[in-house]
């Protein structure tokens, strides 16, 4: 799940969408929300 969810996400856009939280900064996302975004991807 993690390897496909992150690995198959577009480098510039997809990965940023997964890792960016409400703050707009990369890596600024809550842990459970990150797991959910990875799974959705």
ModelCIF file with pLDDT and N, C-alpha, C, O atoms, coordinates in Angstrom:
data_MODEL
#
_entry.id   MODEL 
#
_entity.id                         1 
_entity.type                       polymer 
_entity.pdbx_number_of_molecules   1 
#
_entity_poly.entity_id                      1 
_entity_poly.type                           'polypeptide(L)' 
_entity_poly.nstd_linkage                   no 
_entity_poly.nstd_monomer                   no 
_entity_poly.pdbx_seq_one_letter_code       
;(UNK)(UNK)(UNK)(UNK)(UNK)(UNK)(UNK)(UNK)(UNK)(UNK)(UNK)(UNK)(UNK)(UNK)(UNK)(UNK)
(UNK)(UNK)(UNK)(UNK)(UNK)(UNK)(UNK)(UNK)(UNK)(UNK)(UNK)(UNK)(UNK)(UNK)(UNK)(UNK)
(UNK)(UNK)(UNK)(UNK)(UNK)(UNK)(UNK)(UNK)(UNK)
;
_entity_poly.pdbx_seq_one_letter_code_can   XXXXXXXXXXXXXXXXXXXXXXXXXXXXXXXXXXXXXXXXX 
_entity_poly.pdbx_strand_id                 A 
#
loop_
_entity_poly_seq.entity_id 
_entity_poly_seq.num 
_entity_poly_seq.mon_id 
_entity_poly_seq.hetero 
1 1  UNK n 
1 2  UNK n 
1 3  UNK n 
1 4  UNK n 
1 5  UNK n 
1 6  UNK n 
1 7  UNK n 
1 8  UNK n 
1 9  UNK n 
1 10 UNK n 
1 11 UNK n 
1 12 UNK n 
1 13 UNK n 
1 14 UNK n 
1 15 UNK n 
1 16 UNK n 
1 17 UNK n 
1 18 UNK n 
1 19 UNK n 
1 20 UNK n 
1 21 UNK n 
1 22 UNK n 
1 23 UNK n 
1 24 UNK n 
1 25 UNK n 
1 26 UNK n 
1 27 UNK n 
1 28 UNK n 
1 29 UNK n 
1 30 UNK n 
1 31 UNK n 
1 32 UNK n 
1 33 UNK n 
1 34 UNK n 
1 35 UNK n 
1 36 UNK n 
1 37 UNK n 
1 38 UNK n 
1 39 UNK n 
1 40 UNK n 
1 41 UNK n 
#
_struct_asym.id          A 
_struct_asym.entity_id   1 
#
loop_
_ma_qa_metric.id 
_ma_qa_metric.mode 
_ma_qa_metric.name 
_ma_qa_metric.software_group_id 
_ma_qa_metric.type 
1 global pLDDT . pLDDT 
2 local  pLDDT . pLDDT 
#
_ma_qa_metric_global.metric_id      1 
_ma_qa_metric_global.metric_value   82.76 
_ma_qa_metric_global.model_id       1 
_ma_qa_metric_global.ordinal_id     1 
#
loop_
_ma_qa_metric_local.label_asym_id 
_ma_qa_metric_local.label_comp_id 
_ma_qa_metric_local.label_seq_id 
_ma_qa_metric_local.metric_id 
_ma_qa_metric_local.metric_value 
_ma_qa_metric_local.model_id 
_ma_qa_metric_local.ordinal_id 
A UNK 1  2 95.00 1 1  
A UNK 2  2 93.00 1 2  
A UNK 3  2 92.00 1 3  
A UNK 4  2 94.00 1 4  
A UNK 5  2 92.00 1 5  
A UNK 6  2 89.00 1 6  
A UNK 7  2 89.00 1 7  
A UNK 8  2 88.00 1 8  
A UNK 9  2 86.00 1 9  
A UNK 10 2 83.00 1 10 
A UNK 11 2 78.00 1 11 
A UNK 12 2 77.00 1 12 
A UNK 13 2 79.00 1 13 
A UNK 14 2 82.00 1 14 
A UNK 15 2 78.00 1 15 
A UNK 16 2 78.00 1 16 
A UNK 17 2 82.00 1 17 
A UNK 18 2 81.00 1 18 
A UNK 19 2 80.00 1 19 
A UNK 20 2 81.00 1 20 
A UNK 21 2 66.00 1 21 
A UNK 22 2 66.00 1 22 
A UNK 23 2 67.00 1 23 
A UNK 24 2 68.00 1 24 
A UNK 25 2 67.00 1 25 
A UNK 26 2 65.00 1 26 
A UNK 27 2 67.00 1 27 
A UNK 28 2 68.00 1 28 
A UNK 29 2 78.00 1 29 
A UNK 30 2 78.00 1 30 
A UNK 31 2 83.00 1 31 
A UNK 32 2 88.00 1 32 
A UNK 33 2 90.00 1 33 
A UNK 34 2 90.00 1 34 
A UNK 35 2 92.00 1 35 
A UNK 36 2 93.00 1 36 
A UNK 37 2 92.00 1 37 
A UNK 38 2 93.00 1 38 
A UNK 39 2 96.00 1 39 
A UNK 40 2 95.00 1 40 
A UNK 41 2 94.00 1 41 
#
loop_
_atom_site.group_PDB 
_atom_site.id 
_atom_site.type_symbol 
_atom_site.label_atom_id 
_atom_site.label_alt_id 
_atom_site.label_comp_id 
_atom_site.label_asym_id 
_atom_site.label_entity_id 
_atom_site.label_seq_id 
_atom_site.pdbx_PDB_ins_code 
_atom_site.Cartn_x 
_atom_site.Cartn_y 
_atom_site.Cartn_z 
_atom_site.occupancy 
_atom_site.B_iso_or_equiv 
_atom_site.pdbx_formal_charge 
_atom_site.auth_seq_id 
_atom_site.auth_comp_id 
_atom_site.auth_asym_id 
_atom_site.auth_atom_id 
_atom_site.pdbx_PDB_model_num 
ATOM 1   N N  . UNK A 1 1  ? 0.827  -1.203 0.000  1.00 95.00 ? 1  UNK A N  1 
ATOM 2   C CA . UNK A 1 1  ? 0.000  0.000  0.000  1.00 95.00 ? 1  UNK A CA 1 
ATOM 3   C C  . UNK A 1 1  ? 0.861  1.252  0.000  1.00 95.00 ? 1  UNK A C  1 
ATOM 4   O O  . UNK A 1 1  ? 0.657  2.141  -0.827 1.00 95.00 ? 1  UNK A O  1 
ATOM 5   N N  . UNK A 1 2  ? 1.803  1.336  0.899  1.00 93.00 ? 2  UNK A N  1 
ATOM 6   C CA . UNK A 1 2  ? 2.662  2.533  0.988  1.00 93.00 ? 2  UNK A CA 1 
ATOM 7   C C  . UNK A 1 2  ? 3.530  2.661  -0.246 1.00 93.00 ? 2  UNK A C  1 
ATOM 8   O O  . UNK A 1 2  ? 3.679  3.755  -0.790 1.00 93.00 ? 2  UNK A O  1 
ATOM 9   N N  . UNK A 1 3  ? 4.103  1.556  -0.694 1.00 92.00 ? 3  UNK A N  1 
ATOM 10  C CA . UNK A 1 3  ? 5.005  1.625  -1.842 1.00 92.00 ? 3  UNK A CA 1 
ATOM 11  C C  . UNK A 1 3  ? 4.282  2.022  -3.124 1.00 92.00 ? 3  UNK A C  1 
ATOM 12  O O  . UNK A 1 3  ? 4.838  2.751  -3.945 1.00 92.00 ? 3  UNK A O  1 
ATOM 13  N N  . UNK A 1 4  ? 3.058  1.555  -3.305 1.00 94.00 ? 4  UNK A N  1 
ATOM 14  C CA . UNK A 1 4  ? 2.284  1.943  -4.481 1.00 94.00 ? 4  UNK A CA 1 
ATOM 15  C C  . UNK A 1 4  ? 1.702  3.336  -4.303 1.00 94.00 ? 4  UNK A C  1 
ATOM 16  O O  . UNK A 1 4  ? 1.742  4.154  -5.222 1.00 94.00 ? 4  UNK A O  1 
ATOM 17  N N  . UNK A 1 5  ? 1.159  3.605  -3.117 1.00 92.00 ? 5  UNK A N  1 
ATOM 18  C CA . UNK A 1 5  ? 0.534  4.897  -2.859 1.00 92.00 ? 5  UNK A CA 1 
ATOM 19  C C  . UNK A 1 5  ? 1.479  6.066  -3.009 1.00 92.00 ? 5  UNK A C  1 
ATOM 20  O O  . UNK A 1 5  ? 1.096  7.110  -3.536 1.00 92.00 ? 5  UNK A O  1 
ATOM 21  N N  . UNK A 1 6  ? 2.696  5.909  -2.558 1.00 89.00 ? 6  UNK A N  1 
ATOM 22  C CA . UNK A 1 6  ? 3.704  6.963  -2.698 1.00 89.00 ? 6  UNK A CA 1 
ATOM 23  C C  . UNK A 1 6  ? 4.493  6.777  -3.991 1.00 89.00 ? 6  UNK A C  1 
ATOM 24  O O  . UNK A 1 6  ? 4.713  7.733  -4.735 1.00 89.00 ? 6  UNK A O  1 
ATOM 25  N N  . UNK A 1 7  ? 4.914  5.548  -4.252 1.00 89.00 ? 7  UNK A N  1 
ATOM 26  C CA . UNK A 1 7  ? 5.783  5.274  -5.405 1.00 89.00 ? 7  UNK A CA 1 
ATOM 27  C C  . UNK A 1 7  ? 5.143  5.542  -6.746 1.00 89.00 ? 7  UNK A C  1 
ATOM 28  O O  . UNK A 1 7  ? 5.841  5.913  -7.690 1.00 89.00 ? 7  UNK A O  1 
ATOM 29  N N  . UNK A 1 8  ? 3.837  5.367  -6.866 1.00 88.00 ? 8  UNK A N  1 
ATOM 30  C CA . UNK A 1 8  ? 3.161  5.590  -8.147 1.00 88.00 ? 8  UNK A CA 1 
ATOM 31  C C  . UNK A 1 8  ? 2.559  6.980  -8.255 1.00 88.00 ? 8  UNK A C  1 
ATOM 32  O O  . UNK A 1 8  ? 1.976  7.330  -9.281 1.00 88.00 ? 8  UNK A O  1 
ATOM 33  N N  . UNK A 1 9  ? 2.696  7.773  -7.201 1.00 86.00 ? 9  UNK A N  1 
ATOM 34  C CA . UNK A 1 9  ? 2.194  9.154  -7.255 1.00 86.00 ? 9  UNK A CA 1 
ATOM 35  C C  . UNK A 1 9  ? 3.176  10.011 -8.047 1.00 86.00 ? 9  UNK A C  1 
ATOM 36  O O  . UNK A 1 9  ? 4.390  9.840  -7.933 1.00 86.00 ? 9  UNK A O  1 
ATOM 37  N N  . UNK A 1 10 ? 2.652  10.925 -8.842 1.00 83.00 ? 10 UNK A N  1 
ATOM 38  C CA . UNK A 1 10 ? 3.478  11.838 -9.615 1.00 83.00 ? 10 UNK A CA 1 
ATOM 39  C C  . UNK A 1 10 ? 4.460  12.562 -8.687 1.00 83.00 ? 10 UNK A C  1 
ATOM 40  O O  . UNK A 1 10 ? 4.088  12.998 -7.598 1.00 83.00 ? 10 UNK A O  1 
ATOM 41  N N  . UNK A 1 11 ? 5.697  12.684 -9.125 1.00 78.00 ? 11 UNK A N  1 
ATOM 42  C CA . UNK A 1 11 ? 6.753  13.268 -8.300 1.00 78.00 ? 11 UNK A CA 1 
ATOM 43  C C  . UNK A 1 11 ? 6.510  14.697 -7.877 1.00 78.00 ? 11 UNK A C  1 
ATOM 44  O O  . UNK A 1 11 ? 6.728  15.034 -6.713 1.00 78.00 ? 11 UNK A O  1 
ATOM 45  N N  . UNK A 1 12 ? 6.066  15.545 -8.780 1.00 77.00 ? 12 UNK A N  1 
ATOM 46  C CA . UNK A 1 12 ? 5.894  16.965 -8.445 1.00 77.00 ? 12 UNK A CA 1 
ATOM 47  C C  . UNK A 1 12 ? 4.547  17.256 -7.816 1.00 77.00 ? 12 UNK A C  1 
ATOM 48  O O  . UNK A 1 12 ? 4.452  18.060 -6.888 1.00 77.00 ? 12 UNK A O  1 
ATOM 49  N N  . UNK A 1 13 ? 3.510  16.611 -8.312 1.00 79.00 ? 13 UNK A N  1 
ATOM 50  C CA . UNK A 1 13 ? 2.164  16.955 -7.864 1.00 79.00 ? 13 UNK A CA 1 
ATOM 51  C C  . UNK A 1 13 ? 1.610  15.933 -6.878 1.00 79.00 ? 13 UNK A C  1 
ATOM 52  O O  . UNK A 1 13 ? 1.178  16.300 -5.786 1.00 79.00 ? 13 UNK A O  1 
ATOM 53  N N  . UNK A 1 14 ? 1.618  14.658 -7.249 1.00 82.00 ? 14 UNK A N  1 
ATOM 54  C CA . UNK A 1 14 ? 1.002  13.616 -6.432 1.00 82.00 ? 14 UNK A CA 1 
ATOM 55  C C  . UNK A 1 14 ? 1.606  13.473 -5.050 1.00 82.00 ? 14 UNK A C  1 
ATOM 56  O O  . UNK A 1 14 ? 0.888  13.435 -4.051 1.00 82.00 ? 14 UNK A O  1 
ATOM 57  N N  . UNK A 1 15 ? 2.925  13.395 -4.996 1.00 78.00 ? 15 UNK A N  1 
ATOM 58  C CA . UNK A 1 15 ? 3.584  13.241 -3.696 1.00 78.00 ? 15 UNK A CA 1 
ATOM 59  C C  . UNK A 1 15 ? 3.329  14.463 -2.814 1.00 78.00 ? 15 UNK A C  1 
ATOM 60  O O  . UNK A 1 15 ? 3.135  14.329 -1.606 1.00 78.00 ? 15 UNK A O  1 
ATOM 61  N N  . UNK A 1 16 ? 3.331  15.643 -3.413 1.00 78.00 ? 16 UNK A N  1 
ATOM 62  C CA . UNK A 1 16 ? 3.066  16.863 -2.653 1.00 78.00 ? 16 UNK A CA 1 
ATOM 63  C C  . UNK A 1 16 ? 1.637  16.856 -2.116 1.00 78.00 ? 16 UNK A C  1 
ATOM 64  O O  . UNK A 1 16 ? 1.402  17.264 -0.979 1.00 78.00 ? 16 UNK A O  1 
ATOM 65  N N  . UNK A 1 17 ? 0.673  16.391 -2.931 1.00 82.00 ? 17 UNK A N  1 
ATOM 66  C CA . UNK A 1 17 ? -0.715 16.328 -2.477 1.00 82.00 ? 17 UNK A CA 1 
ATOM 67  C C  . UNK A 1 17 ? -0.871 15.374 -1.295 1.00 82.00 ? 17 UNK A C  1 
ATOM 68  O O  . UNK A 1 17 ? -1.668 15.629 -0.391 1.00 82.00 ? 17 UNK A O  1 
ATOM 69  N N  . UNK A 1 18 ? -0.121 14.289 -1.298 1.00 81.00 ? 18 UNK A N  1 
ATOM 70  C CA . UNK A 1 18 ? -0.206 13.307 -0.223 1.00 81.00 ? 18 UNK A CA 1 
ATOM 71  C C  . UNK A 1 18 ? 0.423  13.848 1.064  1.00 81.00 ? 18 UNK A C  1 
ATOM 72  O O  . UNK A 1 18 ? -0.120 13.641 2.150  1.00 81.00 ? 18 UNK A O  1 
ATOM 73  N N  . UNK A 1 19 ? 1.551  14.532 0.951  1.00 80.00 ? 19 UNK A N  1 
ATOM 74  C CA . UNK A 1 19 ? 2.313  14.954 2.125  1.00 80.00 ? 19 UNK A CA 1 
ATOM 75  C C  . UNK A 1 19 ? 1.964  16.341 2.667  1.00 80.00 ? 19 UNK A C  1 
ATOM 76  O O  . UNK A 1 19 ? 2.405  16.685 3.763  1.00 80.00 ? 19 UNK A O  1 
ATOM 77  N N  . UNK A 1 20 ? 1.196  17.139 1.948  1.00 81.00 ? 20 UNK A N  1 
ATOM 78  C CA . UNK A 1 20 ? 0.953  18.511 2.360  1.00 81.00 ? 20 UNK A CA 1 
ATOM 79  C C  . UNK A 1 20 ? -0.352 18.624 3.135  1.00 81.00 ? 20 UNK A C  1 
ATOM 80  O O  . UNK A 1 20 ? -1.406 18.197 2.663  1.00 81.00 ? 20 UNK A O  1 
ATOM 81  N N  . UNK A 1 21 ? -0.273 19.194 4.309  1.00 66.00 ? 21 UNK A N  1 
ATOM 82  C CA . UNK A 1 21 ? -1.457 19.361 5.161  1.00 66.00 ? 21 UNK A CA 1 
ATOM 83  C C  . UNK A 1 21 ? -2.118 20.707 4.963  1.00 66.00 ? 21 UNK A C  1 
ATOM 84  O O  . UNK A 1 21 ? -1.815 21.432 4.015  1.00 66.00 ? 21 UNK A O  1 
ATOM 85  N N  . UNK A 1 22 ? -3.026 21.035 5.869  1.00 66.00 ? 22 UNK A N  1 
ATOM 86  C CA . UNK A 1 22 ? -3.773 22.292 5.791  1.00 66.00 ? 22 UNK A CA 1 
ATOM 87  C C  . UNK A 1 22 ? -2.876 23.514 5.888  1.00 66.00 ? 22 UNK A C  1 
ATOM 88  O O  . UNK A 1 22 ? -3.262 24.597 5.448  1.00 66.00 ? 22 UNK A O  1 
ATOM 89  N N  . UNK A 1 23 ? -1.691 23.360 6.456  1.00 67.00 ? 23 UNK A N  1 
ATOM 90  C CA . UNK A 1 23 ? -0.775 24.493 6.587  1.00 67.00 ? 23 UNK A CA 1 
ATOM 91  C C  . UNK A 1 23 ? -0.198 24.903 5.238  1.00 67.00 ? 23 UNK A C  1 
ATOM 92  O O  . UNK A 1 23 ? 0.337  26.003 5.106  1.00 67.00 ? 23 UNK A O  1 
ATOM 93  N N  . UNK A 1 24 ? -0.299 24.035 4.238  1.00 68.00 ? 24 UNK A N  1 
ATOM 94  C CA . UNK A 1 24 ? 0.257  24.337 2.923  1.00 68.00 ? 24 UNK A CA 1 
ATOM 95  C C  . UNK A 1 24 ? 1.738  24.014 2.815  1.00 68.00 ? 24 UNK A C  1 
ATOM 96  O O  . UNK A 1 24 ? 2.343  24.173 1.754  1.00 68.00 ? 24 UNK A O  1 
ATOM 97  N N  . UNK A 1 25 ? 2.320  23.557 3.924  1.00 67.00 ? 25 UNK A N  1 
ATOM 98  C CA . UNK A 1 25 ? 3.734  23.207 3.885  1.00 67.00 ? 25 UNK A CA 1 
ATOM 99  C C  . UNK A 1 25 ? 3.894  21.695 3.773  1.00 67.00 ? 25 UNK A C  1 
ATOM 100 O O  . UNK A 1 25 ? 3.153  20.916 4.375  1.00 67.00 ? 25 UNK A O  1 
ATOM 101 N N  . UNK A 1 26 ? 4.892  21.313 2.978  1.00 65.00 ? 26 UNK A N  1 
ATOM 102 C CA . UNK A 1 26 ? 5.124  19.884 2.831  1.00 65.00 ? 26 UNK A CA 1 
ATOM 103 C C  . UNK A 1 26 ? 5.528  19.300 4.175  1.00 65.00 ? 26 UNK A C  1 
ATOM 104 O O  . UNK A 1 26 ? 6.209  19.956 4.964  1.00 65.00 ? 26 UNK A O  1 
ATOM 105 N N  . UNK A 1 27 ? 5.109  18.066 4.436  1.00 67.00 ? 27 UNK A N  1 
ATOM 106 C CA . UNK A 1 27 ? 5.320  17.320 5.671  1.00 67.00 ? 27 UNK A CA 1 
ATOM 107 C C  . UNK A 1 27 ? 4.451  17.861 6.795  1.00 67.00 ? 27 UNK A C  1 
ATOM 108 O O  . UNK A 1 27 ? 4.633  17.463 7.946  1.00 67.00 ? 27 UNK A O  1 
ATOM 109 N N  . UNK A 1 28 ? 3.507  18.760 6.503  1.00 68.00 ? 28 UNK A N  1 
ATOM 110 C CA . UNK A 1 28 ? 2.679  19.345 7.546  1.00 68.00 ? 28 UNK A CA 1 
ATOM 111 C C  . UNK A 1 28 ? 1.339  18.652 7.698  1.00 68.00 ? 28 UNK A C  1 
ATOM 112 O O  . UNK A 1 28 ? 0.327  19.321 7.908  1.00 68.00 ? 28 UNK A O  1 
ATOM 113 N N  . UNK A 1 29 ? 1.303  17.350 7.599  1.00 78.00 ? 29 UNK A N  1 
ATOM 114 C CA . UNK A 1 29 ? 0.050  16.616 7.620  1.00 78.00 ? 29 UNK A CA 1 
ATOM 115 C C  . UNK A 1 29 ? -0.003 15.703 8.842  1.00 78.00 ? 29 UNK A C  1 
ATOM 116 O O  . UNK A 1 29 ? 1.022  15.190 9.292  1.00 78.00 ? 29 UNK A O  1 
ATOM 117 N N  . UNK A 1 30 ? -1.187 15.512 9.362  1.00 78.00 ? 30 UNK A N  1 
ATOM 118 C CA . UNK A 1 30 ? -1.372 14.616 10.494 1.00 78.00 ? 30 UNK A CA 1 
ATOM 119 C C  . UNK A 1 30 ? -1.110 13.167 10.099 1.00 78.00 ? 30 UNK A C  1 
ATOM 120 O O  . UNK A 1 30 ? -1.302 12.782 8.946  1.00 78.00 ? 30 UNK A O  1 
ATOM 121 N N  . UNK A 1 31 ? -0.677 12.384 11.052 1.00 83.00 ? 31 UNK A N  1 
ATOM 122 C CA . UNK A 1 31 ? -0.264 11.005 10.771 1.00 83.00 ? 31 UNK A CA 1 
ATOM 123 C C  . UNK A 1 31 ? -1.392 10.142 10.218 1.00 83.00 ? 31 UNK A C  1 
ATOM 124 O O  . UNK A 1 31 ? -1.187 9.417  9.244  1.00 83.00 ? 31 UNK A O  1 
ATOM 125 N N  . UNK A 1 32 ? -2.561 10.203 10.811 1.00 88.00 ? 32 UNK A N  1 
ATOM 126 C CA . UNK A 1 32 ? -3.665 9.364  10.320 1.00 88.00 ? 32 UNK A CA 1 
ATOM 127 C C  . UNK A 1 32 ? -4.134 9.840  8.948  1.00 88.00 ? 32 UNK A C  1 
ATOM 128 O O  . UNK A 1 32 ? -4.455 9.025  8.084  1.00 88.00 ? 32 UNK A O  1 
ATOM 129 N N  . UNK A 1 33 ? -4.172 11.143 8.749  1.00 90.00 ? 33 UNK A N  1 
ATOM 130 C CA . UNK A 1 33 ? -4.569 11.658 7.436  1.00 90.00 ? 33 UNK A CA 1 
ATOM 131 C C  . UNK A 1 33 ? -3.561 11.240 6.370  1.00 90.00 ? 33 UNK A C  1 
ATOM 132 O O  . UNK A 1 33 ? -3.942 10.939 5.239  1.00 90.00 ? 33 UNK A O  1 
ATOM 133 N N  . UNK A 1 34 ? -2.294 11.220 6.720  1.00 90.00 ? 34 UNK A N  1 
ATOM 134 C CA . UNK A 1 34 ? -1.274 10.767 5.768  1.00 90.00 ? 34 UNK A CA 1 
ATOM 135 C C  . UNK A 1 34 ? -1.525 9.313  5.381  1.00 90.00 ? 34 UNK A C  1 
ATOM 136 O O  . UNK A 1 34 ? -1.456 8.972  4.201  1.00 90.00 ? 34 UNK A O  1 
ATOM 137 N N  . UNK A 1 35 ? -1.813 8.451  6.356  1.00 92.00 ? 35 UNK A N  1 
ATOM 138 C CA . UNK A 1 35 ? -2.080 7.040  6.055  1.00 92.00 ? 35 UNK A CA 1 
ATOM 139 C C  . UNK A 1 35 ? -3.282 6.905  5.122  1.00 92.00 ? 35 UNK A C  1 
ATOM 140 O O  . UNK A 1 35 ? -3.297 6.057  4.230  1.00 92.00 ? 35 UNK A O  1 
ATOM 141 N N  . UNK A 1 36 ? -4.290 7.752  5.339  1.00 93.00 ? 36 UNK A N  1 
ATOM 142 C CA . UNK A 1 36 ? -5.490 7.707  4.509  1.00 93.00 ? 36 UNK A CA 1 
ATOM 143 C C  . UNK A 1 36 ? -5.193 8.184  3.091  1.00 93.00 ? 36 UNK A C  1 
ATOM 144 O O  . UNK A 1 36 ? -5.674 7.595  2.123  1.00 93.00 ? 36 UNK A O  1 
ATOM 145 N N  . UNK A 1 37 ? -4.408 9.242  2.967  1.00 92.00 ? 37 UNK A N  1 
ATOM 146 C CA . UNK A 1 37 ? -4.056 9.741  1.630  1.00 92.00 ? 37 UNK A CA 1 
ATOM 147 C C  . UNK A 1 37 ? -3.201 8.726  0.877  1.00 92.00 ? 37 UNK A C  1 
ATOM 148 O O  . UNK A 1 37 ? -3.382 8.529  -0.325 1.00 92.00 ? 37 UNK A O  1 
ATOM 149 N N  . UNK A 1 38 ? -2.278 8.088  1.572  1.00 93.00 ? 38 UNK A N  1 
ATOM 150 C CA . UNK A 1 38 ? -1.464 7.050  0.937  1.00 93.00 ? 38 UNK A CA 1 
ATOM 151 C C  . UNK A 1 38 ? -2.376 5.937  0.413  1.00 93.00 ? 38 UNK A C  1 
ATOM 152 O O  . UNK A 1 38 ? -2.216 5.474  -0.716 1.00 93.00 ? 38 UNK A O  1 
ATOM 153 N N  . UNK A 1 39 ? -3.321 5.519  1.235  1.00 96.00 ? 39 UNK A N  1 
ATOM 154 C CA . UNK A 1 39 ? -4.240 4.442  0.855  1.00 96.00 ? 39 UNK A CA 1 
ATOM 155 C C  . UNK A 1 39 ? -5.128 4.853  -0.320 1.00 96.00 ? 39 UNK A C  1 
ATOM 156 O O  . UNK A 1 39 ? -5.378 4.047  -1.215 1.00 96.00 ? 39 UNK A O  1 
ATOM 157 N N  . UNK A 1 40 ? -5.596 6.078  -0.324 1.00 95.00 ? 40 UNK A N  1 
ATOM 158 C CA . UNK A 1 40 ? -6.421 6.557  -1.435 1.00 95.00 ? 40 UNK A CA 1 
ATOM 159 C C  . UNK A 1 40 ? -5.618 6.573  -2.730 1.00 95.00 ? 40 UNK A C  1 
ATOM 160 O O  . UNK A 1 40 ? -6.136 6.222  -3.790 1.00 95.00 ? 40 UNK A O  1 
ATOM 161 N N  . UNK A 1 41 ? -4.365 6.975  -2.645 1.00 94.00 ? 41 UNK A N  1 
ATOM 162 C CA . UNK A 1 41 ? -3.500 6.973  -3.819 1.00 94.00 ? 41 UNK A CA 1 
ATOM 163 C C  . UNK A 1 41 ? -3.264 5.546  -4.320 1.00 94.00 ? 41 UNK A C  1 
ATOM 164 O O  . UNK A 1 41 ? -2.555 5.347  -5.306 1.00 94.00 ? 41 UNK A O  1 
#
